N, C-alpha and C. Protein backbone atom coordinates (compact mmCIF):
# COMPACT_ATOMS: atom_id res chain seq x y z
N MET A 1 88.04 75.71 88.55
CA MET A 1 89.09 76.50 89.52
C MET A 1 90.53 75.69 89.06
N SER A 2 91.19 76.77 89.48
CA SER A 2 92.68 76.63 88.90
C SER A 2 93.08 76.09 89.77
N ALA A 3 94.51 75.31 89.37
CA ALA A 3 95.64 74.67 90.32
C ALA A 3 96.45 76.08 90.86
N PRO A 4 96.78 75.56 92.21
CA PRO A 4 97.85 76.94 92.42
C PRO A 4 99.13 76.86 91.93
N PRO A 5 99.68 77.65 91.92
CA PRO A 5 100.92 78.09 91.28
C PRO A 5 102.18 77.17 91.60
N PRO A 6 102.86 76.54 90.84
CA PRO A 6 104.01 75.24 90.87
C PRO A 6 104.74 75.86 92.18
N ALA A 7 105.17 77.08 92.37
CA ALA A 7 105.98 77.18 93.83
C ALA A 7 105.17 77.26 94.97
N ALA A 8 103.82 77.65 95.24
CA ALA A 8 103.38 77.50 96.20
C ALA A 8 103.14 76.22 96.54
N ALA A 9 102.87 75.12 95.74
CA ALA A 9 102.86 73.67 95.86
C ALA A 9 103.80 72.99 96.55
N HIS A 10 105.30 73.70 96.63
CA HIS A 10 106.16 73.27 97.62
C HIS A 10 106.57 74.04 98.35
N GLY A 11 106.10 74.91 98.44
CA GLY A 11 106.20 75.58 99.92
C GLY A 11 107.43 76.71 99.52
N ALA A 12 107.40 77.16 98.29
CA ALA A 12 108.57 78.15 98.01
C ALA A 12 107.51 79.38 97.16
N ALA A 13 108.30 80.41 96.88
CA ALA A 13 107.66 81.44 96.23
C ALA A 13 108.67 82.65 95.82
N ARG A 14 108.46 83.34 94.83
CA ARG A 14 109.41 84.34 94.27
C ARG A 14 109.49 85.25 95.38
N LEU A 15 110.71 85.88 95.54
CA LEU A 15 110.93 86.82 97.02
C LEU A 15 109.87 88.09 96.69
N ASP A 16 109.70 88.66 95.70
CA ASP A 16 108.79 89.88 95.38
C ASP A 16 107.49 89.75 95.80
N ARG A 17 106.98 88.39 95.10
CA ARG A 17 105.76 87.95 95.43
C ARG A 17 105.17 87.43 97.08
N TRP A 18 106.26 86.93 97.52
CA TRP A 18 105.93 86.78 98.98
C TRP A 18 105.99 88.09 99.88
N LEU A 19 107.19 89.14 99.24
CA LEU A 19 107.04 90.51 100.18
C LEU A 19 105.60 91.17 100.05
N PHE A 20 105.11 90.88 98.90
CA PHE A 20 103.63 91.52 98.37
C PHE A 20 102.82 90.71 99.13
N ALA A 21 102.68 89.55 98.91
CA ALA A 21 101.53 88.82 99.66
C ALA A 21 101.50 89.15 101.06
N VAL A 22 102.64 89.04 102.01
CA VAL A 22 102.45 88.91 103.40
C VAL A 22 102.28 90.72 103.80
N ARG A 23 102.35 91.66 102.77
CA ARG A 23 101.83 92.97 103.06
C ARG A 23 103.23 93.70 103.34
N LEU A 24 104.14 93.51 103.13
CA LEU A 24 105.36 94.20 103.78
C LEU A 24 105.79 95.58 102.35
N PHE A 25 105.16 95.07 101.28
CA PHE A 25 105.34 96.29 100.28
C PHE A 25 103.66 96.54 99.84
N ARG A 26 103.43 97.71 99.33
CA ARG A 26 102.17 97.94 98.95
C ARG A 26 101.86 97.40 97.60
N SER A 27 102.81 96.89 96.52
CA SER A 27 102.69 96.53 95.14
C SER A 27 103.76 95.58 95.03
N ARG A 28 103.90 94.68 94.17
CA ARG A 28 104.80 93.81 93.87
C ARG A 28 105.75 94.37 93.10
N THR A 29 105.50 95.60 92.21
CA THR A 29 106.62 96.39 91.82
C THR A 29 107.61 96.89 92.52
N LEU A 30 106.87 97.76 93.76
CA LEU A 30 107.62 98.28 94.64
C LEU A 30 108.55 97.08 95.38
N ALA A 31 107.97 95.98 95.64
CA ALA A 31 108.92 94.85 96.17
C ALA A 31 110.00 94.54 95.36
N ALA A 32 109.73 94.28 94.01
CA ALA A 32 110.76 93.92 93.14
C ALA A 32 111.98 95.00 92.81
N GLN A 33 111.42 96.13 92.81
CA GLN A 33 112.50 97.22 92.81
C GLN A 33 113.34 97.46 94.33
N ALA A 34 112.57 97.16 95.29
CA ALA A 34 113.57 96.96 96.67
C ALA A 34 114.50 95.82 96.34
N ALA A 35 114.05 94.53 95.88
CA ALA A 35 114.91 93.50 95.86
C ALA A 35 116.19 94.00 94.92
N SER A 36 115.73 94.41 93.62
CA SER A 36 116.72 94.86 92.85
C SER A 36 117.54 95.84 93.02
N GLY A 37 117.55 96.66 94.29
CA GLY A 37 118.01 97.66 94.47
C GLY A 37 118.72 97.32 95.66
N GLY A 38 118.73 96.17 95.97
CA GLY A 38 119.69 95.57 97.18
C GLY A 38 119.39 96.30 98.56
N ARG A 39 118.24 96.44 98.73
CA ARG A 39 117.72 96.90 100.18
C ARG A 39 117.06 95.33 100.59
N VAL A 40 116.84 94.43 100.18
CA VAL A 40 116.57 93.12 100.47
C VAL A 40 117.38 91.86 100.52
N HIS A 41 117.85 91.56 101.72
CA HIS A 41 118.59 90.27 101.60
C HIS A 41 117.93 88.98 102.15
N VAL A 42 118.46 87.91 101.40
CA VAL A 42 117.62 86.77 102.50
C VAL A 42 118.98 85.82 102.65
N ASN A 43 118.82 85.52 104.01
CA ASN A 43 120.00 84.76 104.74
C ASN A 43 121.15 85.49 104.37
N GLY A 44 121.13 87.07 104.41
CA GLY A 44 122.44 87.54 104.57
C GLY A 44 122.99 87.83 103.07
N ALA A 45 122.21 87.50 102.00
CA ALA A 45 122.93 87.67 100.89
C ALA A 45 121.73 88.31 99.81
N ARG A 46 122.43 89.51 98.98
CA ARG A 46 121.70 90.31 98.26
C ARG A 46 120.96 89.19 97.23
N VAL A 47 119.71 89.61 96.79
CA VAL A 47 119.21 88.61 96.00
C VAL A 47 118.39 89.41 95.01
N LYS A 48 117.88 88.85 93.68
CA LYS A 48 117.43 89.41 92.97
C LYS A 48 115.76 88.95 93.35
N PRO A 49 114.53 89.77 92.67
CA PRO A 49 112.94 89.43 93.02
C PRO A 49 112.74 88.01 92.48
N ALA A 50 113.34 87.15 91.70
CA ALA A 50 113.00 86.27 91.38
C ALA A 50 113.40 84.95 92.13
N HIS A 51 114.11 85.26 93.35
CA HIS A 51 114.99 84.15 94.33
C HIS A 51 113.76 83.59 94.94
N GLU A 52 113.79 82.44 95.22
CA GLU A 52 112.81 81.56 95.75
C GLU A 52 112.94 81.78 97.65
N VAL A 53 111.73 81.96 98.10
CA VAL A 53 111.90 82.25 99.50
C VAL A 53 111.21 80.78 99.76
N ARG A 54 111.72 79.85 101.16
CA ARG A 54 111.30 79.09 101.60
C ARG A 54 111.04 79.34 103.44
N PRO A 55 110.09 78.74 103.48
CA PRO A 55 110.08 78.52 105.50
C PRO A 55 111.43 78.47 105.86
N GLY A 56 111.72 79.28 106.90
CA GLY A 56 112.99 79.15 107.57
C GLY A 56 114.09 80.00 107.29
N ASP A 57 113.70 80.50 106.05
CA ASP A 57 114.42 81.79 105.51
C ASP A 57 114.53 83.26 106.20
N GLN A 58 115.76 83.89 106.51
CA GLN A 58 116.19 84.96 107.22
C GLN A 58 116.00 86.46 105.83
N ILE A 59 114.93 86.93 106.14
CA ILE A 59 114.81 87.78 105.46
C ILE A 59 114.99 89.48 105.90
N THR A 60 116.10 90.28 105.52
CA THR A 60 116.25 91.51 106.19
C THR A 60 116.07 92.39 104.76
N LEU A 61 115.23 93.62 105.41
CA LEU A 61 115.01 94.35 104.42
C LEU A 61 115.06 95.85 105.46
N VAL A 62 115.27 97.22 104.32
CA VAL A 62 115.28 98.51 104.58
C VAL A 62 113.87 99.02 104.21
N ARG A 63 113.15 99.09 105.57
CA ARG A 63 111.78 100.11 105.42
C ARG A 63 112.00 101.44 105.69
N GLY A 64 112.01 102.59 105.06
CA GLY A 64 112.45 103.89 105.54
C GLY A 64 113.58 103.72 105.76
N ALA A 65 113.77 104.11 107.27
CA ALA A 65 115.14 104.61 107.79
C ALA A 65 115.04 103.41 108.63
N VAL A 66 114.39 102.03 108.90
CA VAL A 66 114.48 101.17 109.77
C VAL A 66 114.86 99.76 109.28
N GLU A 67 115.56 99.13 109.79
CA GLU A 67 116.13 97.63 109.02
C GLU A 67 114.79 96.58 109.57
N PHE A 68 113.88 95.99 109.01
CA PHE A 68 113.23 95.05 109.32
C PHE A 68 113.80 93.87 109.39
N GLU A 69 114.02 92.79 110.27
CA GLU A 69 114.27 91.27 110.19
C GLU A 69 113.01 90.71 110.65
N CYS A 70 113.37 89.34 109.80
CA CYS A 70 111.87 88.60 109.98
C CYS A 70 112.55 86.88 109.66
N THR A 71 111.62 86.10 109.79
CA THR A 71 112.05 84.72 109.52
C THR A 71 110.58 84.34 108.65
N VAL A 72 110.52 83.78 107.58
CA VAL A 72 109.95 83.22 106.71
C VAL A 72 109.08 81.80 107.56
N THR A 73 107.96 82.29 107.86
CA THR A 73 107.02 80.80 108.63
C THR A 73 106.36 80.14 107.92
N ALA A 74 105.85 80.86 106.69
CA ALA A 74 104.86 80.21 105.58
C ALA A 74 104.85 80.80 104.34
N VAL A 75 104.44 80.35 103.34
CA VAL A 75 104.11 80.89 101.76
C VAL A 75 102.68 80.96 101.74
N PRO A 76 102.24 82.24 101.75
CA PRO A 76 100.48 81.91 101.54
C PRO A 76 100.51 82.11 99.50
N ALA A 77 99.46 81.36 99.31
CA ALA A 77 98.95 81.08 97.87
C ALA A 77 98.55 82.57 97.52
N ARG A 78 98.24 83.73 98.39
CA ARG A 78 97.73 84.38 97.29
C ARG A 78 97.57 85.72 98.53
N ARG A 79 97.75 87.08 98.35
CA ARG A 79 97.44 88.23 99.24
C ARG A 79 96.14 87.89 99.67
N GLY A 80 96.45 88.00 101.19
CA GLY A 80 95.00 87.84 101.81
C GLY A 80 94.85 88.80 102.99
N PRO A 81 94.10 88.62 103.96
CA PRO A 81 93.88 90.06 104.86
C PRO A 81 95.14 90.20 105.84
N ALA A 82 95.34 91.12 106.30
CA ALA A 82 96.81 91.45 107.27
C ALA A 82 96.65 90.34 108.43
N PRO A 83 95.72 90.02 109.20
CA PRO A 83 96.29 89.08 110.17
C PRO A 83 96.83 87.95 109.49
N ALA A 84 96.14 87.34 108.49
CA ALA A 84 96.63 86.19 107.95
C ALA A 84 98.18 86.38 107.39
N ALA A 85 98.58 87.40 106.72
CA ALA A 85 99.93 87.85 106.50
C ALA A 85 100.78 88.04 107.34
N ALA A 86 100.57 88.21 108.72
CA ALA A 86 101.53 88.76 109.71
C ALA A 86 101.60 87.23 110.18
N ARG A 87 100.72 86.30 109.89
CA ARG A 87 101.21 84.88 110.30
C ARG A 87 102.57 84.06 109.58
N CYS A 88 102.69 84.48 108.61
CA CYS A 88 103.39 84.08 107.45
C CYS A 88 105.21 84.40 107.78
N TYR A 89 105.02 85.18 108.77
CA TYR A 89 106.47 85.59 109.03
C TYR A 89 106.84 85.78 110.80
N ALA A 90 108.07 85.78 111.12
CA ALA A 90 108.02 86.13 112.62
C ALA A 90 109.39 87.03 112.64
N GLU A 91 108.66 88.27 113.20
CA GLU A 91 109.84 89.43 113.30
C GLU A 91 110.53 89.17 114.59
N SER A 92 111.98 89.41 114.42
CA SER A 92 112.79 89.24 115.61
C SER A 92 112.77 90.37 116.49
N ALA A 93 113.11 90.01 117.65
CA ALA A 93 113.23 90.90 118.72
C ALA A 93 113.88 91.97 118.67
N ALA A 94 115.14 92.21 118.00
CA ALA A 94 115.74 93.06 117.75
C ALA A 94 115.08 94.38 116.92
N SER A 95 114.33 93.46 115.95
CA SER A 95 113.75 94.46 114.62
C SER A 95 112.43 95.02 115.42
N VAL A 96 111.82 94.40 116.36
CA VAL A 96 110.64 95.14 117.26
C VAL A 96 111.04 96.33 117.68
N ALA A 97 112.39 96.07 118.66
CA ALA A 97 112.80 97.02 119.45
C ALA A 97 113.59 98.20 118.73
N ARG A 98 113.92 98.23 117.48
CA ARG A 98 114.55 99.11 116.65
C ARG A 98 113.31 99.99 116.20
N ARG A 99 112.35 99.02 115.57
CA ARG A 99 110.92 100.04 115.51
C ARG A 99 110.25 100.77 116.53
N ALA A 100 110.49 100.47 117.68
CA ALA A 100 109.72 101.19 118.36
C ALA A 100 110.62 102.13 118.87
N ALA A 101 112.03 101.81 118.60
CA ALA A 101 112.98 103.22 119.19
C ALA A 101 112.87 104.33 118.37
N PHE A 102 112.58 103.97 117.23
CA PHE A 102 112.53 105.02 115.79
C PHE A 102 111.41 105.48 115.90
N ALA A 103 109.91 104.91 116.55
CA ALA A 103 108.51 105.67 116.70
C ALA A 103 108.63 106.48 117.73
N THR A 104 109.47 106.34 118.89
CA THR A 104 109.50 107.26 119.83
C THR A 104 110.27 108.32 119.40
N GLN A 105 111.43 108.18 118.64
CA GLN A 105 112.04 109.25 118.18
C GLN A 105 111.49 110.30 117.57
N GLN A 106 110.60 109.53 116.44
CA GLN A 106 109.66 110.32 115.70
C GLN A 106 108.77 111.09 116.21
N ARG A 107 108.05 110.67 117.48
CA ARG A 107 107.28 111.22 118.02
C ARG A 107 107.74 112.38 119.04
N LEU A 108 108.69 112.02 119.68
CA LEU A 108 109.65 113.42 120.25
C LEU A 108 109.78 114.46 119.50
N ALA A 109 110.48 114.30 118.28
CA ALA A 109 110.87 115.12 117.17
C ALA A 109 109.56 115.82 116.85
N ALA A 110 108.43 115.24 116.57
CA ALA A 110 107.32 115.85 116.14
C ALA A 110 106.92 116.71 117.33
N ALA A 111 106.91 116.71 118.70
CA ALA A 111 106.54 117.43 119.76
C ALA A 111 107.70 118.37 120.16
N LEU A 112 108.71 118.40 119.81
CA LEU A 112 109.50 119.60 120.02
C LEU A 112 109.60 120.51 118.73
N THR A 113 108.95 120.16 117.79
CA THR A 113 108.96 121.02 116.37
C THR A 113 108.18 122.04 116.57
N PRO A 114 108.44 123.27 116.53
CA PRO A 114 108.12 124.33 116.54
C PRO A 114 106.58 124.69 116.02
N ARG A 115 105.49 124.99 116.43
CA ARG A 115 104.30 124.86 115.57
C ARG A 115 103.88 126.32 115.82
N PRO A 116 103.02 127.07 114.66
CA PRO A 116 102.70 128.45 114.71
C PRO A 116 101.36 128.42 115.59
N ARG A 117 101.06 129.48 115.98
CA ARG A 117 99.53 129.31 116.45
C ARG A 117 98.44 129.35 115.51
N GLU A 118 98.78 129.62 114.41
CA GLU A 118 97.76 129.98 113.57
C GLU A 118 98.26 129.51 112.17
N ARG A 119 97.36 129.31 111.12
CA ARG A 119 97.60 129.07 109.85
C ARG A 119 98.41 130.22 109.11
N PRO A 120 99.30 130.03 108.44
CA PRO A 120 100.46 130.65 107.81
C PRO A 120 99.34 131.53 106.43
N GLY A 121 99.27 132.76 106.25
CA GLY A 121 98.76 133.41 105.45
C GLY A 121 99.29 132.97 104.03
N LYS A 122 98.97 133.89 103.06
CA LYS A 122 99.47 133.96 101.49
C LYS A 122 101.27 134.07 101.65
N HIS A 123 101.39 134.99 102.10
CA HIS A 123 102.43 135.44 102.24
C HIS A 123 103.67 134.97 102.81
N GLU A 124 103.22 134.21 104.00
CA GLU A 124 103.99 133.21 104.69
C GLU A 124 103.98 132.14 104.15
N ARG A 125 103.11 131.53 103.53
CA ARG A 125 103.31 130.35 102.78
C ARG A 125 104.39 130.34 101.75
N ALA A 126 104.27 131.51 101.02
CA ALA A 126 105.05 131.91 99.89
C ALA A 126 106.54 131.93 100.43
N GLN A 127 106.97 132.25 101.56
CA GLN A 127 108.18 132.34 102.39
C GLN A 127 108.63 130.88 102.75
N LEU A 128 107.66 130.23 103.21
CA LEU A 128 107.85 129.08 103.82
C LEU A 128 108.34 127.84 102.37
N ARG A 129 107.98 128.12 101.37
CA ARG A 129 107.99 127.64 100.21
C ARG A 129 109.34 128.03 99.82
N ARG A 130 109.78 129.39 99.68
CA ARG A 130 111.06 129.73 99.18
C ARG A 130 112.34 129.29 100.22
N LEU A 131 111.86 129.27 101.32
CA LEU A 131 112.83 128.81 102.84
C LEU A 131 112.77 127.21 102.33
N ARG A 132 112.07 126.50 101.82
CA ARG A 132 112.08 124.68 101.87
C ARG A 132 112.65 124.62 100.48
N GLY A 133 112.67 125.51 99.81
CA GLY A 133 113.63 125.42 97.95
C GLY A 133 112.33 125.06 97.06
N ARG A 134 111.07 125.09 97.33
CA ARG A 134 109.84 124.70 96.56
C ARG A 134 109.07 125.88 95.73
N ILE A 135 109.75 126.58 95.34
CA ILE A 135 109.55 127.58 94.49
C ILE A 135 108.44 127.58 93.55
């Protein structure tokens, strides 16, 4: 049996590993790209993927079009099941409200989008592709 990594032994982990372990990103590469691109901030500062994250740190990241804020509560040793990952951070009330408002806005936009009664035929699909710029 191998020993835990040294970062997990003292309650800290690399930012990209933590984001991947708590399932905020689908891969560690995507987490590292987000941190390198400036979409992830720890305690209000833009950081690199190798920045150490400890319990109590405030993390802000942009997921799609919504800003996600959370506080680190634990550092997992590895990527585990979703319920265990969710216990490693506490999302702020403002972040929950923003996500709910965005979801409501998206549902409303989808409901108001006109839908054809039947599937488009060959020529209608070609017209739609041209209209959308996907020739």
